[in-house]
Amino acid sequence: MVLQTHCHEYATFGSRRPRELLRGLGVRTVTEAEGCCGLAGNFGFEAEHYDTSMAVADRSLRPRLDENPDAVVVADGFSCATQVGHLAGVRAVHLAELLDPGGNP
């Protein structure tokens, strides 16, 4: 499993909280993409910021995705999930989806 913690979660809980929740669910291997995903709201959507957005993603998120191409990716933030889709072509899941697998995606 790859975990991209949203910046707001870092500010509120630090990286410890989402990782601990996943381990509490029985996930034994959590590979964390630490830091910003690079999208940052609409920042990465703007043409003049695209290269910066990709450079930030290259610091942690893209390498973790490349190293774990078949992993489930958890990204609670809209920006982070969008960036995961852009970089890896996969749909990131929200932690709530793991807590309620019978819910509607």
PDB file of N, CA and C in Angstrom:
ATOM      1  N   MET A   1       0.841  -1.166   0.000  1.00  0.00           N
ATOM      2  CA  MET A   1       0.000   0.000   0.000  1.00  0.00           C
ATOM      3  C   MET A   1       0.890   1.232   0.000  1.00  0.00           C
ATOM      4  N   VAL A   2       0.523   2.208  -0.818  1.00  0.00           N
ATOM      5  CA  VAL A   2       1.208   3.496  -0.847  1.00  0.00           C
ATOM      6  C   VAL A   2       0.284   4.518  -0.203  1.00  0.00           C
ATOM      7  N   LEU A   3       0.825   5.312   0.694  1.00  0.00           N
ATOM      8  CA  LEU A   3       0.065   6.337   1.401  1.00  0.00           C
ATOM      9  C   LEU A   3       0.601   7.709   1.039  1.00  0.00           C
ATOM     10  N   GLN A   4      -0.275   8.558   0.497  1.00  0.00           N
ATOM     11  CA  GLN A   4       0.048   9.973   0.283  1.00  0.00           C
ATOM     12  C   GLN A   4      -0.794  10.764   1.270  1.00  0.00           C
ATOM     13  N   THR A   5      -0.153  11.247   2.315  1.00  0.00           N
ATOM     14  CA  THR A   5      -0.855  12.018   3.330  1.00  0.00           C
ATOM     15  C   THR A   5      -1.060  13.438   2.820  1.00  0.00           C
ATOM     16  N   HIS A   6      -2.288  13.932   2.951  1.00  0.00           N
ATOM     17  CA  HIS A   6      -2.629  15.274   2.490  1.00  0.00           C
ATOM     18  C   HIS A   6      -1.970  16.312   3.389  1.00  0.00           C
ATOM     19  N   CYS A   7      -1.616  17.451   2.824  1.00  0.00           N
ATOM     20  CA  CYS A   7      -0.937  18.507   3.585  1.00  0.00           C
ATOM     21  C   CYS A   7      -1.720  18.935   4.826  1.00  0.00           C
ATOM     22  N   HIS A   8      -3.049  18.991   4.707  1.00  0.00           N
ATOM     23  CA  HIS A   8      -3.862  19.364   5.870  1.00  0.00           C
ATOM     24  C   HIS A   8      -3.720  18.314   6.977  1.00  0.00           C
ATOM     25  N   GLU A   9      -3.646  17.044   6.595  1.00  0.00           N
ATOM     26  CA  GLU A   9      -3.457  15.996   7.600  1.00  0.00           C
ATOM     27  C   GLU A   9      -2.101  16.133   8.279  1.00  0.00           C
ATOM     28  N   TYR A  10      -1.047  16.451   7.503  1.00  0.00           N
ATOM     29  CA  TYR A  10       0.260  16.686   8.111  1.00  0.00           C
ATOM     30  C   TYR A  10       0.178  17.808   9.132  1.00  0.00           C
ATOM     31  N   ALA A  11      -0.499  18.893   8.752  1.00  0.00           N
ATOM     32  CA  ALA A  11      -0.595  20.052   9.633  1.00  0.00           C
ATOM     33  C   ALA A  11      -1.376  19.730  10.903  1.00  0.00           C
ATOM     34  N   THR A  12      -2.379  18.861  10.783  1.00  0.00           N
ATOM     35  CA  THR A  12      -3.233  18.548  11.921  1.00  0.00           C
ATOM     36  C   THR A  12      -2.687  17.400  12.764  1.00  0.00           C
ATOM     37  N   PHE A  13      -2.279  16.311  12.105  1.00  0.00           N
ATOM     38  CA  PHE A  13      -1.891  15.097  12.828  1.00  0.00           C
ATOM     39  C   PHE A  13      -0.430  14.698  12.677  1.00  0.00           C
ATOM     40  N   GLY A  14       0.258  15.210  11.681  1.00  0.00           N
ATOM     41  CA  GLY A  14       1.565  14.684  11.335  1.00  0.00           C
ATOM     42  C   GLY A  14       1.360  13.397  10.549  1.00  0.00           C
ATOM     43  N   SER A  15       2.411  12.797  10.071  1.00  0.00           N
ATOM     44  CA  SER A  15       2.274  11.591   9.249  1.00  0.00           C
ATOM     45  C   SER A  15       1.912  10.362  10.068  1.00  0.00           C
ATOM     46  N   ARG A  16       2.085  10.436  11.358  1.00  0.00           N
ATOM     47  CA  ARG A  16       1.857   9.295  12.245  1.00  0.00           C
ATOM     48  C   ARG A  16       0.425   8.779  12.176  1.00  0.00           C
ATOM     49  N   ARG A  17      -0.549   9.648  12.180  1.00  0.00           N
ATOM     50  CA  ARG A  17      -1.956   9.245  12.318  1.00  0.00           C
ATOM     51  C   ARG A  17      -2.481   8.354  11.182  1.00  0.00           C
ATOM     52  N   PRO A  18      -2.390   8.762   9.912  1.00  0.00           N
ATOM     53  CA  PRO A  18      -2.901   7.884   8.846  1.00  0.00           C
ATOM     54  C   PRO A  18      -2.182   6.532   8.804  1.00  0.00           C
ATOM     55  N   ARG A  19      -0.873   6.551   9.014  1.00  0.00           N
ATOM     56  CA  ARG A  19      -0.098   5.308   9.004  1.00  0.00           C
ATOM     57  C   ARG A  19      -0.578   4.375  10.120  1.00  0.00           C
ATOM     58  N   GLU A  20      -0.809   4.920  11.308  1.00  0.00           N
ATOM     59  CA  GLU A  20      -1.283   4.110  12.428  1.00  0.00           C
ATOM     60  C   GLU A  20      -2.678   3.554  12.168  1.00  0.00           C
ATOM     61  N   LEU A  21      -3.543   4.337  11.546  1.00  0.00           N
ATOM     62  CA  LEU A  21      -4.889   3.853  11.215  1.00  0.00           C
ATOM     63  C   LEU A  21      -4.812   2.674  10.246  1.00  0.00           C
ATOM     64  N   LEU A  22      -3.964   2.781   9.242  1.00  0.00           N
ATOM     65  CA  LEU A  22      -3.820   1.680   8.280  1.00  0.00           C
ATOM     66  C   LEU A  22      -3.262   0.430   8.960  1.00  0.00           C
ATOM     67  N   ARG A  23      -2.288   0.601   9.805  1.00  0.00           N
ATOM     68  CA  ARG A  23      -1.732  -0.554  10.516  1.00  0.00           C
ATOM     69  C   ARG A  23      -2.771  -1.164  11.446  1.00  0.00           C
ATOM     70  N   GLY A  24      -3.615  -0.324  12.025  1.00  0.00           N
ATOM     71  CA  GLY A  24      -4.709  -0.815  12.858  1.00  0.00           C
ATOM     72  C   GLY A  24      -5.718  -1.622  12.069  1.00  0.00           C
ATOM     73  N   LEU A  25      -5.813  -1.357  10.770  1.00  0.00           N
ATOM     74  CA  LEU A  25      -6.695  -2.128   9.889  1.00  0.00           C
ATOM     75  C   LEU A  25      -6.056  -3.431   9.433  1.00  0.00           C
ATOM     76  N   GLY A  26      -4.803  -3.642   9.836  1.00  0.00           N
ATOM     77  CA  GLY A  26      -4.123  -4.871   9.473  1.00  0.00           C
ATOM     78  C   GLY A  26      -3.207  -4.756   8.266  1.00  0.00           C
ATOM     79  N   VAL A  27      -3.008  -3.552   7.761  1.00  0.00           N
ATOM     80  CA  VAL A  27      -2.098  -3.353   6.633  1.00  0.00           C
ATOM     81  C   VAL A  27      -0.679  -3.424   7.172  1.00  0.00           C
ATOM     82  N   ARG A  28       0.054  -4.428   6.748  1.00  0.00           N
ATOM     83  CA  ARG A  28       1.392  -4.652   7.295  1.00  0.00           C
ATOM     84  C   ARG A  28       2.460  -3.771   6.643  1.00  0.00           C
ATOM     85  N   THR A  29       2.317  -3.515   5.356  1.00  0.00           N
ATOM     86  CA  THR A  29       3.319  -2.722   4.650  1.00  0.00           C
ATOM     87  C   THR A  29       2.691  -1.425   4.156  1.00  0.00           C
ATOM     88  N   VAL A  30       3.166  -0.335   4.696  1.00  0.00           N
ATOM     89  CA  VAL A  30       2.711   0.989   4.272  1.00  0.00           C
ATOM     90  C   VAL A  30       3.938   1.753   3.786  1.00  0.00           C
ATOM     91  N   THR A  31       3.967   2.018   2.491  1.00  0.00           N
ATOM     92  CA  THR A  31       5.034   2.812   1.906  1.00  0.00           C
ATOM     93  C   THR A  31       4.517   4.236   1.809  1.00  0.00           C
ATOM     94  N   GLU A  32       5.198   5.137   2.488  1.00  0.00           N
ATOM     95  CA  GLU A  32       4.716   6.517   2.528  1.00  0.00           C
ATOM     96  C   GLU A  32       5.425   7.397   1.516  1.00  0.00           C
ATOM     97  N   ALA A  33       4.625   8.191   0.815  1.00  0.00           N
ATOM     98  CA  ALA A  33       5.145   9.270  -0.003  1.00  0.00           C
ATOM     99  C   ALA A  33       5.080  10.497   0.888  1.00  0.00           C
ATOM    100  N   GLU A  34       6.183  10.851   1.463  1.00  0.00           N
ATOM    101  CA  GLU A  34       6.188  11.922   2.464  1.00  0.00           C
ATOM    102  C   GLU A  34       6.322  13.281   1.803  1.00  0.00           C
ATOM    103  N   GLY A  35       5.514  14.208   2.252  1.00  0.00           N
ATOM    104  CA  GLY A  35       5.558  15.555   1.721  1.00  0.00           C
ATOM    105  C   GLY A  35       4.430  15.825   0.744  1.00  0.00           C
ATOM    106  N   CYS A  36       4.502  16.978   0.121  1.00  0.00           N
ATOM    107  CA  CYS A  36       3.459  17.443  -0.778  1.00  0.00           C
ATOM    108  C   CYS A  36       3.434  16.623  -2.067  1.00  0.00           C
ATOM    109  N   CYS A  37       2.234  16.415  -2.586  1.00  0.00           N
ATOM    110  CA  CYS A  37       2.063  15.700  -3.857  1.00  0.00           C
ATOM    111  C   CYS A  37       2.444  16.567  -5.045  1.00  0.00           C
ATOM    112  N   GLY A  38       2.439  17.880  -4.860  1.00  0.00           N
ATOM    113  CA  GLY A  38       2.808  18.801  -5.924  1.00  0.00           C
ATOM    114  C   GLY A  38       1.642  19.504  -6.573  1.00  0.00           C
ATOM    115  N   LEU A  39       0.435  19.028  -6.375  1.00  0.00           N
ATOM    116  CA  LEU A  39      -0.697  19.664  -7.039  1.00  0.00           C
ATOM    117  C   LEU A  39      -1.151  20.919  -6.289  1.00  0.00           C
ATOM    118  N   ALA A  40      -1.308  20.806  -4.987  1.00  0.00           N
ATOM    119  CA  ALA A  40      -1.604  21.954  -4.132  1.00  0.00           C
ATOM    120  C   ALA A  40      -2.784  22.778  -4.627  1.00  0.00           C
ATOM    121  N   GLY A  41      -3.956  22.174  -4.553  1.00  0.00           N
ATOM    122  CA  GLY A  41      -5.156  22.872  -5.006  1.00  0.00           C
ATOM    123  C   GLY A  41      -5.116  23.088  -6.507  1.00  0.00           C
ATOM    124  N   ASN A  42      -5.306  24.304  -6.955  1.00  0.00           N
ATOM    125  CA  ASN A  42      -5.282  24.562  -8.390  1.00  0.00           C
ATOM    126  C   ASN A  42      -3.885  24.899  -8.895  1.00  0.00           C
ATOM    127  N   PHE A  43      -2.911  25.008  -8.023  1.00  0.00           N
ATOM    128  CA  PHE A  43      -1.548  25.392  -8.391  1.00  0.00           C
ATOM    129  C   PHE A  43      -1.009  24.552  -9.549  1.00  0.00           C
ATOM    130  N   GLY A  44      -1.048  23.246  -9.405  1.00  0.00           N
ATOM    131  CA  GLY A  44      -0.495  22.364 -10.429  1.00  0.00           C
ATOM    132  C   GLY A  44      -1.304  22.308 -11.705  1.00  0.00           C
ATOM    133  N   PHE A  45      -2.548  22.782 -11.665  1.00  0.00           N
ATOM    134  CA  PHE A  45      -3.378  22.831 -12.870  1.00  0.00           C
ATOM    135  C   PHE A  45      -2.991  24.004 -13.770  1.00  0.00           C
ATOM    136  N   GLU A  46      -2.343  25.003 -13.205  1.00  0.00           N
ATOM    137  CA  GLU A  46      -1.990  26.191 -13.961  1.00  0.00           C
ATOM    138  C   GLU A  46      -0.729  25.926 -14.780  1.00  0.00           C
ATOM    139  N   ALA A  47      -0.790  26.243 -16.068  1.00  0.00           N
ATOM    140  CA  ALA A  47       0.294  25.920 -17.001  1.00  0.00           C
ATOM    141  C   ALA A  47       1.645  26.431 -16.511  1.00  0.00           C
ATOM    142  N   GLU A  48       1.676  27.622 -15.956  1.00  0.00           N
ATOM    143  CA  GLU A  48       2.956  28.200 -15.529  1.00  0.00           C
ATOM    144  C   GLU A  48       3.540  27.507 -14.293  1.00  0.00           C
ATOM    145  N   HIS A  49       2.751  26.675 -13.625  1.00  0.00           N
ATOM    146  CA  HIS A  49       3.235  25.968 -12.431  1.00  0.00           C
ATOM    147  C   HIS A  49       3.420  24.468 -12.656  1.00  0.00           C
ATOM    148  N   TYR A  50       3.096  23.983 -13.841  1.00  0.00           N
ATOM    149  CA  TYR A  50       3.124  22.536 -14.089  1.00  0.00           C
ATOM    150  C   TYR A  50       4.507  21.940 -13.802  1.00  0.00           C
ATOM    151  N   ASP A  51       5.562  22.552 -14.307  1.00  0.00           N
ATOM    152  CA  ASP A  51       6.907  22.004 -14.094  1.00  0.00           C
ATOM    153  C   ASP A  51       7.261  21.950 -12.609  1.00  0.00           C
ATOM    154  N   THR A  52       6.858  22.975 -11.868  1.00  0.00           N
ATOM    155  CA  THR A  52       7.103  22.975 -10.419  1.00  0.00           C
ATOM    156  C   THR A  52       6.306  21.864  -9.751  1.00  0.00           C
ATOM    157  N   SER A  53       5.064  21.704 -10.167  1.00  0.00           N
ATOM    158  CA  SER A  53       4.216  20.647  -9.617  1.00  0.00           C
ATOM    159  C   SER A  53       4.858  19.275  -9.827  1.00  0.00           C
ATOM    160  N   MET A  54       5.355  19.032 -11.028  1.00  0.00           N
ATOM    161  CA  MET A  54       5.985  17.740 -11.324  1.00  0.00           C
ATOM    162  C   MET A  54       7.292  17.574 -10.558  1.00  0.00           C
ATOM    163  N   ALA A  55       8.041  18.654 -10.383  1.00  0.00           N
ATOM    164  CA  ALA A  55       9.291  18.576  -9.618  1.00  0.00           C
ATOM    165  C   ALA A  55       9.011  18.214  -8.166  1.00  0.00           C
ATOM    166  N   VAL A  56       7.950  18.772  -7.598  1.00  0.00           N
ATOM    167  CA  VAL A  56       7.578  18.425  -6.219  1.00  0.00           C
ATOM    168  C   VAL A  56       7.140  16.960  -6.154  1.00  0.00           C
ATOM    169  N   ALA A  57       6.332  16.523  -7.115  1.00  0.00           N
ATOM    170  CA  ALA A  57       5.882  15.123  -7.145  1.00  0.00           C
ATOM    171  C   ALA A  57       7.069  14.167  -7.288  1.00  0.00           C
ATOM    172  N   ASP A  58       8.098  14.605  -8.000  1.00  0.00           N
ATOM    173  CA  ASP A  58       9.283  13.763  -8.208  1.00  0.00           C
ATOM    174  C   ASP A  58      10.107  13.565  -6.948  1.00  0.00           C
ATOM    175  N   ARG A  59       9.878  14.376  -5.928  1.00  0.00           N
ATOM    176  CA  ARG A  59      10.643  14.249  -4.680  1.00  0.00           C
ATOM    177  C   ARG A  59      10.239  13.025  -3.881  1.00  0.00           C
ATOM    178  N   SER A  60       8.958  12.641  -3.937  1.00  0.00           N
ATOM    179  CA  SER A  60       8.523  11.503  -3.137  1.00  0.00           C
ATOM    180  C   SER A  60       7.385  10.711  -3.771  1.00  0.00           C
ATOM    181  N   LEU A  61       6.312  11.384  -4.181  1.00  0.00           N
ATOM    182  CA  LEU A  61       5.137  10.652  -4.652  1.00  0.00           C
ATOM    183  C   LEU A  61       5.426   9.805  -5.885  1.00  0.00           C
ATOM    184  N   ARG A  62       5.974  10.404  -6.935  1.00  0.00           N
ATOM    185  CA  ARG A  62       6.225   9.637  -8.155  1.00  0.00           C
ATOM    186  C   ARG A  62       7.160   8.446  -7.911  1.00  0.00           C
ATOM    187  N   PRO A  63       8.265   8.615  -7.181  1.00  0.00           N
ATOM    188  CA  PRO A  63       9.119   7.447  -6.924  1.00  0.00           C
ATOM    189  C   PRO A  63       8.399   6.313  -6.182  1.00  0.00           C
ATOM    190  N   ARG A  64       7.563   6.665  -5.183  1.00  0.00           N
ATOM    191  CA  ARG A  64       6.832   5.615  -4.455  1.00  0.00           C
ATOM    192  C   ARG A  64       5.849   4.913  -5.384  1.00  0.00           C
ATOM    193  N   LEU A  65       5.186   5.658  -6.250  1.00  0.00           N
ATOM    194  CA  LEU A  65       4.259   5.040  -7.207  1.00  0.00           C
ATOM    195  C   LEU A  65       5.010   4.152  -8.194  1.00  0.00           C
ATOM    196  N   ASP A  66       6.152   4.623  -8.671  1.00  0.00           N
ATOM    197  CA  ASP A  66       6.949   3.840  -9.622  1.00  0.00           C
ATOM    198  C   ASP A  66       7.497   2.561  -8.989  1.00  0.00           C
ATOM    199  N   GLU A  67       7.873   2.635  -7.725  1.00  0.00           N
ATOM    200  CA  GLU A  67       8.418   1.472  -7.009  1.00  0.00           C
ATOM    201  C   GLU A  67       7.343   0.453  -6.662  1.00  0.00           C
ATOM    202  N   ASN A  68       6.084   0.875  -6.621  1.00  0.00           N
ATOM    203  CA  ASN A  68       4.971   0.017  -6.195  1.00  0.00           C
ATOM    204  C   ASN A  68       3.809   0.112  -7.184  1.00  0.00           C
ATOM    205  N   PRO A  69       4.036  -0.302  -8.434  1.00  0.00           N
ATOM    206  CA  PRO A  69       3.028  -0.077  -9.474  1.00  0.00           C
ATOM    207  C   PRO A  69       1.705  -0.815  -9.266  1.00  0.00           C
ATOM    208  N   ASP A  70       1.706  -1.881  -8.506  1.00  0.00           N
ATOM    209  CA  ASP A  70       0.481  -2.660  -8.292  1.00  0.00           C
ATOM    210  C   ASP A  70      -0.164  -2.410  -6.936  1.00  0.00           C
ATOM    211  N   ALA A  71       0.366  -1.462  -6.190  1.00  0.00           N
ATOM    212  CA  ALA A  71      -0.126  -1.212  -4.837  1.00  0.00           C
ATOM    213  C   ALA A  71      -1.427  -0.429  -4.857  1.00  0.00           C
ATOM    214  N   VAL A  72      -2.236  -0.652  -3.831  1.00  0.00           N
ATOM    215  CA  VAL A  72      -3.372   0.212  -3.568  1.00  0.00           C
ATOM    216  C   VAL A  72      -2.792   1.534  -3.084  1.00  0.00           C
ATOM    217  N   VAL A  73      -3.326   2.638  -3.580  1.00  0.00           N
ATOM    218  CA  VAL A  73      -2.842   3.958  -3.177  1.00  0.00           C
ATOM    219  C   VAL A  73      -3.936   4.651  -2.372  1.00  0.00           C
ATOM    220  N   VAL A  74      -3.582   5.101  -1.175  1.00  0.00           N
ATOM    221  CA  VAL A  74      -4.506   5.828  -0.321  1.00  0.00           C
ATOM    222  C   VAL A  74      -4.108   7.295  -0.353  1.00  0.00           C
ATOM    223  N   ALA A  75      -5.055   8.129  -0.748  1.00  0.00           N
ATOM    224  CA  ALA A  75      -4.836   9.575  -0.772  1.00  0.00           C
ATOM    225  C   ALA A  75      -6.161  10.233  -0.407  1.00  0.00           C
ATOM    226  N   ASP A  76      -6.234  10.801   0.776  1.00  0.00           N
ATOM    227  CA  ASP A  76      -7.484  11.378   1.251  1.00  0.00           C
ATOM    228  C   ASP A  76      -7.786  12.746   0.652  1.00  0.00           C
ATOM    229  N   GLY A  77      -6.782  13.493   0.280  1.00  0.00           N
ATOM    230  CA  GLY A  77      -7.007  14.820  -0.271  1.00  0.00           C
ATOM    231  C   GLY A  77      -7.372  14.758  -1.749  1.00  0.00           C
ATOM    232  N   PHE A  78      -8.282  15.644  -2.179  1.00  0.00           N
ATOM    233  CA  PHE A  78      -8.683  15.689  -3.587  1.00  0.00           C
ATOM    234  C   PHE A  78      -7.478  15.957  -4.485  1.00  0.00           C
ATOM    235  N   SER A  79      -6.646  16.912  -4.097  1.00  0.00           N
ATOM    236  CA  SER A  79      -5.467  17.218  -4.905  1.00  0.00           C
ATOM    237  C   SER A  79      -4.546  16.011  -5.005  1.00  0.00           C
ATOM    238  N   CYS A  80      -4.299  15.377  -3.887  1.00  0.00           N
ATOM    239  CA  CYS A  80      -3.406  14.216  -3.874  1.00  0.00           C
ATOM    240  C   CYS A  80      -3.954  13.086  -4.742  1.00  0.00           C
ATOM    241  N   ALA A  81      -5.236  12.809  -4.616  1.00  0.00           N
ATOM    242  CA  ALA A  81      -5.849  11.749  -5.419  1.00  0.00           C
ATOM    243  C   ALA A  81      -5.801  12.087  -6.900  1.00  0.00           C
ATOM    244  N   THR A  82      -6.025  13.341  -7.221  1.00  0.00           N
ATOM    245  CA  THR A  82      -5.949  13.773  -8.622  1.00  0.00           C
ATOM    246  C   THR A  82      -4.536  13.620  -9.162  1.00  0.00           C
ATOM    247  N   GLN A  83      -3.550  13.979  -8.350  1.00  0.00           N
ATOM    248  CA  GLN A  83      -2.157  13.864  -8.770  1.00  0.00           C
ATOM    249  C   GLN A  83      -1.764  12.397  -8.963  1.00  0.00           C
ATOM    250  N   VAL A  84      -2.231  11.524  -8.094  1.00  0.00           N
ATOM    251  CA  VAL A  84      -1.964  10.086  -8.248  1.00  0.00           C
ATOM    252  C   VAL A  84      -2.518   9.602  -9.586  1.00  0.00           C
ATOM    253  N   GLY A  85      -3.734  10.001  -9.905  1.00  0.00           N
ATOM    254  CA  GLY A  85      -4.322   9.627 -11.187  1.00  0.00           C
ATOM    255  C   GLY A  85      -3.512  10.133 -12.348  1.00  0.00           C
ATOM    256  N   HIS A  86      -3.029  11.356 -12.251  1.00  0.00           N
ATOM    257  CA  HIS A  86      -2.233  11.957 -13.321  1.00  0.00           C
ATOM    258  C   HIS A  86      -0.905  11.227 -13.490  1.00  0.00           C
ATOM    259  N   LEU A  87      -0.241  10.915 -12.392  1.00  0.00           N
ATOM    260  CA  LEU A  87       1.088  10.318 -12.445  1.00  0.00           C
ATOM    261  C   LEU A  87       1.077   8.827 -12.775  1.00  0.00           C
ATOM    262  N   ALA A  88       0.103   8.116 -12.216  1.00  0.00           N
ATOM    263  CA  ALA A  88       0.126   6.650 -12.311  1.00  0.00           C
ATOM    264  C   ALA A  88      -1.046   6.069 -13.083  1.00  0.00           C
ATOM    265  N   GLY A  89      -2.027   6.894 -13.395  1.00  0.00           N
ATOM    266  CA  GLY A  89      -3.181   6.382 -14.131  1.00  0.00           C
ATOM    267  C   GLY A  89      -4.037   5.424 -13.330  1.00  0.00           C
ATOM    268  N   VAL A  90      -3.987   5.563 -12.005  1.00  0.00           N
ATOM    269  CA  VAL A  90      -4.810   4.723 -11.137  1.00  0.00           C
ATOM    270  C   VAL A  90      -5.665   5.617 -10.246  1.00  0.00           C
ATOM    271  N   ARG A  91      -6.745   5.056  -9.768  1.00  0.00           N
ATOM    272  CA  ARG A  91      -7.621   5.787  -8.858  1.00  0.00           C
ATOM    273  C   ARG A  91      -7.171   5.527  -7.422  1.00  0.00           C
ATOM    274  N   ALA A  92      -6.815   6.600  -6.735  1.00  0.00           N
ATOM    275  CA  ALA A  92      -6.480   6.478  -5.322  1.00  0.00           C
ATOM    276  C   ALA A  92      -7.772   6.313  -4.528  1.00  0.00           C
ATOM    277  N   VAL A  93      -7.692   5.575  -3.436  1.00  0.00           N
ATOM    278  CA  VAL A  93      -8.855   5.401  -2.572  1.00  0.00           C
ATOM    279  C   VAL A  93      -8.705   6.286  -1.345  1.00  0.00           C
ATOM    280  N   HIS A  94      -9.819   6.640  -0.788  1.00  0.00           N
ATOM    281  CA  HIS A  94      -9.859   7.409   0.457  1.00  0.00           C
ATOM    282  C   HIS A  94      -9.831   6.409   1.607  1.00  0.00           C
ATOM    283  N   LEU A  95      -9.231   6.787   2.699  1.00  0.00           N
ATOM    284  CA  LEU A  95      -9.171   5.906   3.864  1.00  0.00           C
ATOM    285  C   LEU A  95     -10.565   5.435   4.266  1.00  0.00           C
ATOM    286  N   ALA A  96     -11.567   6.277   4.136  1.00  0.00           N
ATOM    287  CA  ALA A  96     -12.942   5.894   4.486  1.00  0.00           C
ATOM    288  C   ALA A  96     -13.428   4.718   3.635  1.00  0.00           C
ATOM    289  N   GLU A  97     -12.958   4.622   2.395  1.00  0.00           N
ATOM    290  CA  GLU A  97     -13.343   3.496   1.543  1.00  0.00           C
ATOM    291  C   GLU A  97     -12.793   2.182   2.079  1.00  0.00           C
ATOM    292  N   LEU A  98     -11.625   2.233   2.704  1.00  0.00           N
ATOM    293  CA  LEU A  98     -11.062   1.021   3.307  1.00  0.00           C
ATOM    294  C   LEU A  98     -11.825   0.644   4.568  1.00  0.00           C
ATOM    295  N   LEU A  99     -12.315   1.656   5.281  1.00  0.00           N
ATOM    296  CA  LEU A  99     -13.061   1.401   6.496  1.00  0.00           C
ATOM    297  C   LEU A  99     -14.453   0.859   6.202  1.00  0.00           C
ATOM    298  N   ASP A 100     -15.008   1.215   5.026  1.00  0.00           N
ATOM    299  CA  ASP A 100     -16.345   0.781   4.636  1.00  0.00           C
ATOM    300  C   ASP A 100     -16.300   0.226   3.207  1.00  0.00           C
ATOM    301  N   PRO A 101     -15.713  -0.961   3.041  1.00  0.00           N
ATOM    302  CA  PRO A 101     -15.558  -1.503   1.688  1.00  0.00           C
ATOM    303  C   PRO A 101     -16.882  -1.794   0.973  1.00  0.00           C
ATOM    304  N   GLY A 102     -17.973  -1.857   1.692  1.00  0.00           N
ATOM    305  CA  GLY A 102     -19.265  -2.115   1.059  1.00  0.00           C
ATOM    306  C   GLY A 102     -19.946  -0.854   0.572  1.00  0.00           C
ATOM    307  N   GLY A 103     -19.340   0.307   0.852  1.00  0.00           N
ATOM    308  CA  GLY A 103     -19.919   1.585   0.431  1.00  0.00           C
ATOM    309  C   GLY A 103     -19.798   1.774  -1.070  1.00  0.00           C
ATOM    310  N   ASN A 104     -20.412   2.803  -1.553  1.00  0.00           N
ATOM    311  CA  ASN A 104     -20.347   3.117  -2.986  1.00  0.00           C
ATOM    312  C   ASN A 104     -19.127   3.968  -3.274  1.00  0.00           C
ATOM    313  N   PRO A 105     -18.261   3.533  -4.205  1.00  0.00           N
ATOM    314  CA  PRO A 105     -17.061   4.341  -4.533  1.00  0.00           C
ATOM    315  C   PRO A 105     -17.411   5.576  -5.334  1.00  0.00           C
TER     316      PRO A 105
END
